[in-house]
Amino acid sequence: MSHRAKATLGAAIVLSALTIWGVHFQQEQQHETMYKGVLRDDERRRQKMQQREDDFQASKRKRELYESVQTVTPVEKS
């Protein structure tokens, strides 16, 4: 094989290896980015649930306070 053919083969091998590595690297980056999005969504969901629980507890305390101060009579439906 001539020197020029060996150089072309070597360049093709190196270029192919770099292309494969680059695609693999991009896939890993994309996977990490997507996983971070899932973690952010989970944290946002947890905070929302905590806020709802806090609101529910505050509403429950208000209701107990109002019921202790006011007389509540059930309304009968006909």
PDB file of N, CA and C in Angstrom:
ATOM      1  N   MET A   1       0.837  -1.178   0.000  1.00  0.00           N
ATOM      2  CA  MET A   1       0.000   0.000   0.000  1.00  0.00           C
ATOM      3  C   MET A   1       0.880   1.237   0.000  1.00  0.00           C
ATOM      4  N   SER A   2       0.435   2.229  -0.738  1.00  0.00           N
ATOM      5  CA  SER A   2       1.238   3.442  -0.829  1.00  0.00           C
ATOM      6  C   SER A   2       1.069   4.276   0.445  1.00  0.00           C
ATOM      7  N   HIS A   3       1.979   5.195   0.601  1.00  0.00           N
ATOM      8  CA  HIS A   3       1.964   6.083   1.760  1.00  0.00           C
ATOM      9  C   HIS A   3       0.684   6.924   1.788  1.00  0.00           C
ATOM     10  N   ARG A   4       0.269   7.393   0.614  1.00  0.00           N
ATOM     11  CA  ARG A   4      -0.945   8.214   0.508  1.00  0.00           C
ATOM     12  C   ARG A   4      -2.190   7.400   0.893  1.00  0.00           C
ATOM     13  N   ALA A   5      -2.264   6.146   0.504  1.00  0.00           N
ATOM     14  CA  ALA A   5      -3.396   5.272   0.827  1.00  0.00           C
ATOM     15  C   ALA A   5      -3.443   5.007   2.333  1.00  0.00           C
ATOM     16  N   LYS A   6      -2.261   4.782   2.926  1.00  0.00           N
ATOM     17  CA  LYS A   6      -2.209   4.559   4.379  1.00  0.00           C
ATOM     18  C   LYS A   6      -2.660   5.798   5.136  1.00  0.00           C
ATOM     19  N   ALA A   7      -2.257   6.962   4.681  1.00  0.00           N
ATOM     20  CA  ALA A   7      -2.653   8.213   5.337  1.00  0.00           C
ATOM     21  C   ALA A   7      -4.161   8.427   5.220  1.00  0.00           C
ATOM     22  N   THR A   8      -4.719   8.139   4.055  1.00  0.00           N
ATOM     23  CA  THR A   8      -6.164   8.280   3.848  1.00  0.00           C
ATOM     24  C   THR A   8      -6.923   7.312   4.748  1.00  0.00           C
ATOM     25  N   LEU A   9      -6.448   6.060   4.810  1.00  0.00           N
ATOM     26  CA  LEU A   9      -7.080   5.063   5.674  1.00  0.00           C
ATOM     27  C   LEU A   9      -7.003   5.502   7.143  1.00  0.00           C
ATOM     28  N   GLY A  10      -5.848   5.966   7.557  1.00  0.00           N
ATOM     29  CA  GLY A  10      -5.672   6.427   8.939  1.00  0.00           C
ATOM     30  C   GLY A  10      -6.578   7.614   9.250  1.00  0.00           C
ATOM     31  N   ALA A  11      -6.659   8.549   8.331  1.00  0.00           N
ATOM     32  CA  ALA A  11      -7.524   9.720   8.531  1.00  0.00           C
ATOM     33  C   ALA A  11      -8.988   9.302   8.602  1.00  0.00           C
ATOM     34  N   ALA A  12      -9.386   8.352   7.763  1.00  0.00           N
ATOM     35  CA  ALA A  12     -10.769   7.876   7.773  1.00  0.00           C
ATOM     36  C   ALA A  12     -11.092   7.182   9.097  1.00  0.00           C
ATOM     37  N   ILE A  13     -10.146   6.389   9.591  1.00  0.00           N
ATOM     38  CA  ILE A  13     -10.350   5.695  10.869  1.00  0.00           C
ATOM     39  C   ILE A  13     -10.458   6.701  12.011  1.00  0.00           C
ATOM     40  N   VAL A  14      -9.561   7.669  12.037  1.00  0.00           N
ATOM     41  CA  VAL A  14      -9.585   8.689  13.092  1.00  0.00           C
ATOM     42  C   VAL A  14     -10.870   9.493  13.020  1.00  0.00           C
ATOM     43  N   LEU A  15     -11.267   9.904  11.831  1.00  0.00           N
ATOM     44  CA  LEU A  15     -12.491  10.684  11.660  1.00  0.00           C
ATOM     45  C   LEU A  15     -13.720   9.878  12.091  1.00  0.00           C
ATOM     46  N   SER A  16     -13.741   8.599  11.736  1.00  0.00           N
ATOM     47  CA  SER A  16     -14.864   7.741  12.142  1.00  0.00           C
ATOM     48  C   SER A  16     -14.918   7.588  13.659  1.00  0.00           C
ATOM     49  N   ALA A  17     -13.760   7.376  14.276  1.00  0.00           N
ATOM     50  CA  ALA A  17     -13.702   7.226  15.733  1.00  0.00           C
ATOM     51  C   ALA A  17     -14.150   8.509  16.429  1.00  0.00           C
ATOM     52  N   LEU A  18     -13.716   9.665  15.918  1.00  0.00           N
ATOM     53  CA  LEU A  18     -14.129  10.938  16.511  1.00  0.00           C
ATOM     54  C   LEU A  18     -15.633  11.173  16.334  1.00  0.00           C
ATOM     55  N   THR A  19     -16.166  10.775  15.191  1.00  0.00           N
ATOM     56  CA  THR A  19     -17.601  10.921  14.952  1.00  0.00           C
ATOM     57  C   THR A  19     -18.395  10.057  15.923  1.00  0.00           C
ATOM     58  N   ILE A  20     -17.978   8.821  16.103  1.00  0.00           N
ATOM     59  CA  ILE A  20     -18.660   7.911  17.040  1.00  0.00           C
ATOM     60  C   ILE A  20     -18.569   8.458  18.461  1.00  0.00           C
ATOM     61  N   TRP A  21     -17.400   8.909  18.862  1.00  0.00           N
ATOM     62  CA  TRP A  21     -17.241   9.475  20.205  1.00  0.00           C
ATOM     63  C   TRP A  21     -18.114  10.717  20.370  1.00  0.00           C
ATOM     64  N   GLY A  22     -18.156  11.579  19.347  1.00  0.00           N
ATOM     65  CA  GLY A  22     -18.962  12.795  19.417  1.00  0.00           C
ATOM     66  C   GLY A  22     -20.446  12.500  19.575  1.00  0.00           C
ATOM     67  N   VAL A  23     -20.949  11.533  18.825  1.00  0.00           N
ATOM     68  CA  VAL A  23     -22.363  11.157  18.933  1.00  0.00           C
ATOM     69  C   VAL A  23     -22.643  10.596  20.317  1.00  0.00           C
ATOM     70  N   HIS A  24     -21.750   9.744  20.803  1.00  0.00           N
ATOM     71  CA  HIS A  24     -21.918   9.174  22.143  1.00  0.00           C
ATOM     72  C   HIS A  24     -21.930  10.281  23.200  1.00  0.00           C
ATOM     73  N   PHE A  25     -21.014  11.226  23.070  1.00  0.00           N
ATOM     74  CA  PHE A  25     -20.938  12.339  24.024  1.00  0.00           C
ATOM     75  C   PHE A  25     -22.225  13.164  23.993  1.00  0.00           C
ATOM     76  N   GLN A  26     -22.747  13.446  22.794  1.00  0.00           N
ATOM     77  CA  GLN A  26     -23.994  14.207  22.682  1.00  0.00           C
ATOM     78  C   GLN A  26     -25.161  13.454  23.316  1.00  0.00           C
ATOM     79  N   GLN A  27     -25.205  12.151  23.136  1.00  0.00           N
ATOM     80  CA  GLN A  27     -26.282  11.354  23.735  1.00  0.00           C
ATOM     81  C   GLN A  27     -26.202  11.394  25.256  1.00  0.00           C
ATOM     82  N   GLU A  28     -25.009  11.296  25.792  1.00  0.00           N
ATOM     83  CA  GLU A  28     -24.842  11.360  27.248  1.00  0.00           C
ATOM     84  C   GLU A  28     -25.279  12.722  27.785  1.00  0.00           C
ATOM     85  N   GLN A  29     -24.910  13.792  27.092  1.00  0.00           N
ATOM     86  CA  GLN A  29     -25.300  15.142  27.505  1.00  0.00           C
ATOM     87  C   GLN A  29     -26.820  15.291  27.464  1.00  0.00           C
ATOM     88  N   GLN A  30     -27.435  14.795  26.400  1.00  0.00           N
ATOM     89  CA  GLN A  30     -28.881  14.883  26.259  1.00  0.00           C
ATOM     90  C   GLN A  30     -29.571  14.086  27.368  1.00  0.00           C
ATOM     91  N   HIS A  31     -29.043  12.918  27.673  1.00  0.00           N
ATOM     92  CA  HIS A  31     -29.609  12.098  28.741  1.00  0.00           C
ATOM     93  C   HIS A  31     -29.523  12.822  30.084  1.00  0.00           C
ATOM     94  N   GLU A  32     -28.387  13.428  30.377  1.00  0.00           N
ATOM     95  CA  GLU A  32     -28.220  14.178  31.620  1.00  0.00           C
ATOM     96  C   GLU A  32     -29.196  15.345  31.705  1.00  0.00           C
ATOM     97  N   THR A  33     -29.338  16.063  30.599  1.00  0.00           N
ATOM     98  CA  THR A  33     -30.239  17.210  30.567  1.00  0.00           C
ATOM     99  C   THR A  33     -31.675  16.764  30.815  1.00  0.00           C
ATOM    100  N   MET A  34     -32.077  15.685  30.183  1.00  0.00           N
ATOM    101  CA  MET A  34     -33.438  15.175  30.368  1.00  0.00           C
ATOM    102  C   MET A  34     -33.646  14.721  31.813  1.00  0.00           C
ATOM    103  N   TYR A  35     -32.660  14.062  32.401  1.00  0.00           N
ATOM    104  CA  TYR A  35     -32.785  13.585  33.781  1.00  0.00           C
ATOM    105  C   TYR A  35     -32.881  14.757  34.750  1.00  0.00           C
ATOM    106  N   LYS A  36     -32.118  15.821  34.496  1.00  0.00           N
ATOM    107  CA  LYS A  36     -32.212  17.011  35.347  1.00  0.00           C
ATOM    108  C   LYS A  36     -33.605  17.624  35.254  1.00  0.00           C
ATOM    109  N   GLY A  37     -34.214  17.565  34.067  1.00  0.00           N
ATOM    110  CA  GLY A  37     -35.583  18.052  33.909  1.00  0.00           C
ATOM    111  C   GLY A  37     -36.559  17.246  34.745  1.00  0.00           C
ATOM    112  N   VAL A  38     -36.360  15.946  34.792  1.00  0.00           N
ATOM    113  CA  VAL A  38     -37.224  15.089  35.613  1.00  0.00           C
ATOM    114  C   VAL A  38     -37.054  15.440  37.083  1.00  0.00           C
ATOM    115  N   LEU A  39     -35.821  15.653  37.511  1.00  0.00           N
ATOM    116  CA  LEU A  39     -35.574  16.018  38.905  1.00  0.00           C
ATOM    117  C   LEU A  39     -36.224  17.364  39.243  1.00  0.00           C
ATOM    118  N   ARG A  40     -36.138  18.334  38.320  1.00  0.00           N
ATOM    119  CA  ARG A  40     -36.778  19.629  38.549  1.00  0.00           C
ATOM    120  C   ARG A  40     -38.292  19.476  38.643  1.00  0.00           C
ATOM    121  N   ASP A  41     -38.865  18.639  37.771  1.00  0.00           N
ATOM    122  CA  ASP A  41     -40.309  18.407  37.809  1.00  0.00           C
ATOM    123  C   ASP A  41     -40.728  17.756  39.121  1.00  0.00           C
ATOM    124  N   ASP A  42     -39.946  16.795  39.584  1.00  0.00           N
ATOM    125  CA  ASP A  42     -40.256  16.134  40.854  1.00  0.00           C
ATOM    126  C   ASP A  42     -40.200  17.125  42.011  1.00  0.00           C
ATOM    127  N   GLU A  43     -39.207  17.981  42.018  1.00  0.00           N
ATOM    128  CA  GLU A  43     -39.078  18.974  43.084  1.00  0.00           C
ATOM    129  C   GLU A  43     -40.235  19.973  43.022  1.00  0.00           C
ATOM    130  N   ARG A  44     -40.583  20.410  41.828  1.00  0.00           N
ATOM    131  CA  ARG A  44     -41.707  21.344  41.657  1.00  0.00           C
ATOM    132  C   ARG A  44     -43.011  20.697  42.149  1.00  0.00           C
ATOM    133  N   ARG A  45     -43.206  19.422  41.809  1.00  0.00           N
ATOM    134  CA  ARG A  45     -44.400  18.693  42.250  1.00  0.00           C
ATOM    135  C   ARG A  45     -44.418  18.560  43.769  1.00  0.00           C
ATOM    136  N   ARG A  46     -43.250  18.267  44.357  1.00  0.00           N
ATOM    137  CA  ARG A  46     -43.172  18.127  45.814  1.00  0.00           C
ATOM    138  C   ARG A  46     -43.506  19.451  46.495  1.00  0.00           C
ATOM    139  N   GLN A  47     -42.977  20.557  45.953  1.00  0.00           N
ATOM    140  CA  GLN A  47     -43.267  21.868  46.534  1.00  0.00           C
ATOM    141  C   GLN A  47     -44.748  22.214  46.413  1.00  0.00           C
ATOM    142  N   LYS A  48     -45.344  21.884  45.275  1.00  0.00           N
ATOM    143  CA  LYS A  48     -46.763  22.168  45.073  1.00  0.00           C
ATOM    144  C   LYS A  48     -47.613  21.366  46.068  1.00  0.00           C
ATOM    145  N   MET A  49     -47.267  20.101  46.255  1.00  0.00           N
ATOM    146  CA  MET A  49     -48.004  19.267  47.210  1.00  0.00           C
ATOM    147  C   MET A  49     -47.828  19.795  48.631  1.00  0.00           C
ATOM    148  N   GLN A  50     -46.643  20.260  48.965  1.00  0.00           N
ATOM    149  CA  GLN A  50     -46.406  20.820  50.290  1.00  0.00           C
ATOM    150  C   GLN A  50     -47.228  22.089  50.474  1.00  0.00           C
ATOM    151  N   GLN A  51     -47.292  22.930  49.448  1.00  0.00           N
ATOM    152  CA  GLN A  51     -48.086  24.155  49.519  1.00  0.00           C
ATOM    153  C   GLN A  51     -49.560  23.820  49.686  1.00  0.00           C
ATOM    154  N   ARG A  52     -50.040  22.826  48.970  1.00  0.00           N
ATOM    155  CA  ARG A  52     -51.446  22.412  49.110  1.00  0.00           C
ATOM    156  C   ARG A  52     -51.723  21.893  50.508  1.00  0.00           C
ATOM    157  N   GLU A  53     -50.802  21.125  51.048  1.00  0.00           N
ATOM    158  CA  GLU A  53     -50.972  20.609  52.407  1.00  0.00           C
ATOM    159  C   GLU A  53     -50.991  21.756  53.415  1.00  0.00           C
ATOM    160  N   ASP A  54     -50.099  22.721  53.244  1.00  0.00           N
ATOM    161  CA  ASP A  54     -50.066  23.880  54.138  1.00  0.00           C
ATOM    162  C   ASP A  54     -51.373  24.669  54.044  1.00  0.00           C
ATOM    163  N   ASP A  55     -51.872  24.861  52.811  1.00  0.00           N
ATOM    164  CA  ASP A  55     -53.136  25.569  52.628  1.00  0.00           C
ATOM    165  C   ASP A  55     -54.290  24.808  53.278  1.00  0.00           C
ATOM    166  N   PHE A  56     -54.288  23.490  53.131  1.00  0.00           N
ATOM    167  CA  PHE A  56     -55.333  22.677  53.741  1.00  0.00           C
ATOM    168  C   PHE A  56     -55.298  22.794  55.257  1.00  0.00           C
ATOM    169  N   GLN A  57     -54.102  22.730  55.841  1.00  0.00           N
ATOM    170  CA  GLN A  57     -53.992  22.841  57.303  1.00  0.00           C
ATOM    171  C   GLN A  57     -54.448  24.217  57.782  1.00  0.00           C
ATOM    172  N   ALA A  58     -54.099  25.261  57.039  1.00  0.00           N
ATOM    173  CA  ALA A  58     -54.532  26.615  57.415  1.00  0.00           C
ATOM    174  C   ALA A  58     -56.046  26.718  57.322  1.00  0.00           C
ATOM    175  N   SER A  59     -56.633  26.158  56.290  1.00  0.00           N
ATOM    176  CA  SER A  59     -58.092  26.165  56.134  1.00  0.00           C
ATOM    177  C   SER A  59     -58.754  25.388  57.255  1.00  0.00           C
ATOM    178  N   LYS A  60     -58.161  24.280  57.627  1.00  0.00           N
ATOM    179  CA  LYS A  60     -58.708  23.462  58.716  1.00  0.00           C
ATOM    180  C   LYS A  60     -58.676  24.233  60.041  1.00  0.00           C
ATOM    181  N   ARG A  61     -57.556  24.944  60.295  1.00  0.00           N
ATOM    182  CA  ARG A  61     -57.464  25.734  61.530  1.00  0.00           C
ATOM    183  C   ARG A  61     -58.501  26.858  61.532  1.00  0.00           C
ATOM    184  N   LYS A  62     -58.681  27.518  60.388  1.00  0.00           N
ATOM    185  CA  LYS A  62     -59.680  28.588  60.299  1.00  0.00           C
ATOM    186  C   LYS A  62     -61.074  28.051  60.560  1.00  0.00           C
ATOM    187  N   ARG A  63     -61.379  26.898  59.963  1.00  0.00           N
ATOM    188  CA  ARG A  63     -62.698  26.309  60.157  1.00  0.00           C
ATOM    189  C   ARG A  63     -62.925  25.970  61.629  1.00  0.00           C
ATOM    190  N   GLU A  64     -61.925  25.376  62.274  1.00  0.00           N
ATOM    191  CA  GLU A  64     -62.054  25.045  63.696  1.00  0.00           C
ATOM    192  C   GLU A  64     -62.258  26.312  64.529  1.00  0.00           C
ATOM    193  N   LEU A  65     -61.522  27.384  64.192  1.00  0.00           N
ATOM    194  CA  LEU A  65     -61.676  28.646  64.914  1.00  0.00           C
ATOM    195  C   LEU A  65     -63.076  29.210  64.708  1.00  0.00           C
ATOM    196  N   TYR A  66     -63.556  29.244  63.470  1.00  0.00           N
ATOM    197  CA  TYR A  66     -64.889  29.778  63.193  1.00  0.00           C
ATOM    198  C   TYR A  66     -65.978  28.948  63.860  1.00  0.00           C
ATOM    199  N   GLU A  67     -65.814  27.635  63.840  1.00  0.00           N
ATOM    200  CA  GLU A  67     -66.821  26.778  64.466  1.00  0.00           C
ATOM    201  C   GLU A  67     -66.814  26.915  65.982  1.00  0.00           C
ATOM    202  N   SER A  68     -65.670  27.248  66.559  1.00  0.00           N
ATOM    203  CA  SER A  68     -65.638  27.434  68.015  1.00  0.00           C
ATOM    204  C   SER A  68     -66.271  28.756  68.414  1.00  0.00           C
ATOM    205  N   VAL A  69     -66.272  29.733  67.515  1.00  0.00           N
ATOM    206  CA  VAL A  69     -66.831  31.046  67.805  1.00  0.00           C
ATOM    207  C   VAL A  69     -68.307  31.120  67.403  1.00  0.00           C
ATOM    208  N   GLN A  70     -68.667  30.464  66.294  1.00  0.00           N
ATOM    209  CA  GLN A  70     -70.030  30.552  65.779  1.00  0.00           C
ATOM    210  C   GLN A  70     -70.745  29.211  65.933  1.00  0.00           C
ATOM    211  N   THR A  71     -72.055  29.298  65.986  1.00  0.00           N
ATOM    212  CA  THR A  71     -72.858  28.075  66.015  1.00  0.00           C
ATOM    213  C   THR A  71     -73.151  27.657  64.594  1.00  0.00           C
ATOM    214  N   VAL A  72     -72.889  26.399  64.322  1.00  0.00           N
ATOM    215  CA  VAL A  72     -73.103  25.876  62.975  1.00  0.00           C
ATOM    216  C   VAL A  72     -74.219  24.863  63.044  1.00  0.00           C
ATOM    217  N   THR A  73     -75.257  25.097  62.267  1.00  0.00           N
ATOM    218  CA  THR A  73     -76.362  24.139  62.219  1.00  0.00           C
ATOM    219  C   THR A  73     -76.450  23.575  60.800  1.00  0.00           C
ATOM    220  N   PRO A  74     -76.588  22.275  60.709  1.00  0.00           N
ATOM    221  CA  PRO A  74     -76.684  21.669  59.374  1.00  0.00           C
ATOM    222  C   PRO A  74     -78.009  22.046  58.711  1.00  0.00           C
ATOM    223  N   VAL A  75     -77.990  22.198  57.408  1.00  0.00           N
ATOM    224  CA  VAL A  75     -79.173  22.530  56.633  1.00  0.00           C
ATOM    225  C   VAL A  75     -79.742  21.212  56.084  1.00  0.00           C
ATOM    226  N   GLU A  76     -81.028  20.986  56.350  1.00  0.00           N
ATOM    227  CA  GLU A  76     -81.665  19.771  55.848  1.00  0.00           C
ATOM    228  C   GLU A  76     -82.183  19.992  54.448  1.00  0.00           C
ATOM    229  N   LYS A  77     -81.926  19.052  53.591  1.00  0.00           N
ATOM    230  CA  LYS A  77     -82.400  19.143  52.226  1.00  0.00           C
ATOM    231  C   LYS A  77     -83.735  18.413  52.128  1.00  0.00           C
ATOM    232  N   SER A  78     -84.656  18.981  51.368  1.00  0.00           N
ATOM    233  CA  SER A  78     -85.963  18.340  51.237  1.00  0.00           C
ATOM    234  C   SER A  78     -86.082  17.513  49.995  1.00  0.00           C
TER     235      SER A  78
END
